[in-house]
Amino acid sequence: MLFADDEIVVVNKPAGLLVHPTIEGEQDTVLARAAAELQRRTGRHRRVLVVHRLDRDTSGVMVLA
């Protein structure tokens, strides 16, 4: 996680990681990791939504809301 406030979260997505699950039960995704890190930092569950996506094999900075 590069940045987080009450409105947005900015993360550096590694290549090979999905942004969101493509099948039910898939748990290691950018969204899941961001939500877990926010919960660790704030002590509360927060829903994280995709602003834009990157393909699985693409790495780079992503903005989540």
Protein backbone atom coordinates (compact mmCIF):
# COMPACT_ATOMS: atom_id res chain seq x y z
CA MET A 1 0.00 0.00 0.00
CA LEU A 2 1.51 3.28 -1.13
CA PHE A 3 -1.17 5.62 0.21
CA ALA A 4 -4.53 5.46 1.96
CA ASP A 5 -7.03 7.98 3.28
CA ASP A 6 -10.80 7.98 3.83
CA GLU A 7 -11.50 8.19 0.09
CA ILE A 8 -8.83 6.32 -1.88
CA VAL A 9 -6.20 3.63 -1.59
CA VAL A 10 -3.14 3.49 -3.85
CA VAL A 11 -1.32 0.18 -4.23
CA ASN A 12 1.52 -1.22 -6.31
CA LYS A 13 0.12 -4.31 -8.04
CA PRO A 14 2.67 -7.03 -8.76
CA ALA A 15 2.56 -8.99 -12.02
CA GLY A 16 0.71 -12.29 -11.70
CA LEU A 17 -1.89 -11.07 -9.19
CA LEU A 18 -5.55 -10.63 -10.16
CA VAL A 19 -7.31 -7.38 -9.31
CA HIS A 20 -10.58 -9.12 -8.39
CA PRO A 21 -11.69 -12.76 -8.25
CA THR A 22 -12.66 -14.42 -11.51
CA ILE A 23 -14.08 -17.52 -9.85
CA GLU A 24 -15.93 -17.96 -6.59
CA GLY A 25 -13.59 -18.63 -3.72
CA GLU A 26 -10.50 -17.05 -5.27
CA GLN A 27 -9.03 -15.07 -2.40
CA ASP A 28 -5.55 -13.76 -3.23
CA THR A 29 -6.39 -10.60 -5.16
CA VAL A 30 -5.47 -6.92 -5.05
CA LEU A 31 -8.88 -6.14 -3.52
CA ALA A 32 -8.51 -8.78 -0.81
CA ARG A 33 -4.98 -7.70 0.08
CA ALA A 34 -5.97 -4.02 0.21
CA ALA A 35 -9.02 -4.74 2.41
CA ALA A 36 -6.92 -6.87 4.77
CA GLU A 37 -4.25 -4.18 5.06
CA LEU A 38 -6.85 -1.48 5.73
CA GLN A 39 -8.41 -3.65 8.43
CA ARG A 40 -4.99 -4.22 9.99
CA ARG A 41 -4.27 -0.48 9.97
CA THR A 42 -7.66 0.80 11.13
CA GLY A 43 -9.13 -2.11 13.06
CA ARG A 44 -12.33 -2.07 11.02
CA HIS A 45 -13.57 -3.75 7.85
CA ARG A 46 -13.73 -1.49 4.81
CA ARG A 47 -15.11 -2.34 1.39
CA VAL A 48 -12.62 -1.64 -1.40
CA LEU A 49 -13.76 -1.02 -4.98
CA VAL A 50 -11.89 -0.99 -8.29
CA VAL A 51 -11.45 2.39 -9.99
CA HIS A 52 -9.54 0.84 -12.90
CA ARG A 53 -7.93 -2.53 -13.44
CA LEU A 54 -4.70 -3.98 -14.71
CA ASP A 55 -4.38 -7.37 -16.39
CA ARG A 56 -2.99 -10.25 -14.36
CA ASP A 57 0.43 -10.11 -16.03
CA THR A 58 0.74 -6.32 -15.72
CA SER A 59 2.36 -4.62 -12.74
CA GLY A 60 1.86 -1.02 -11.72
CA VAL A 61 0.18 1.52 -9.49
CA MET A 62 -3.58 1.20 -8.98
CA VAL A 63 -6.12 3.52 -7.39
CA LEU A 64 -8.89 1.88 -5.38
CA ALA A 65 -11.83 3.52 -3.65
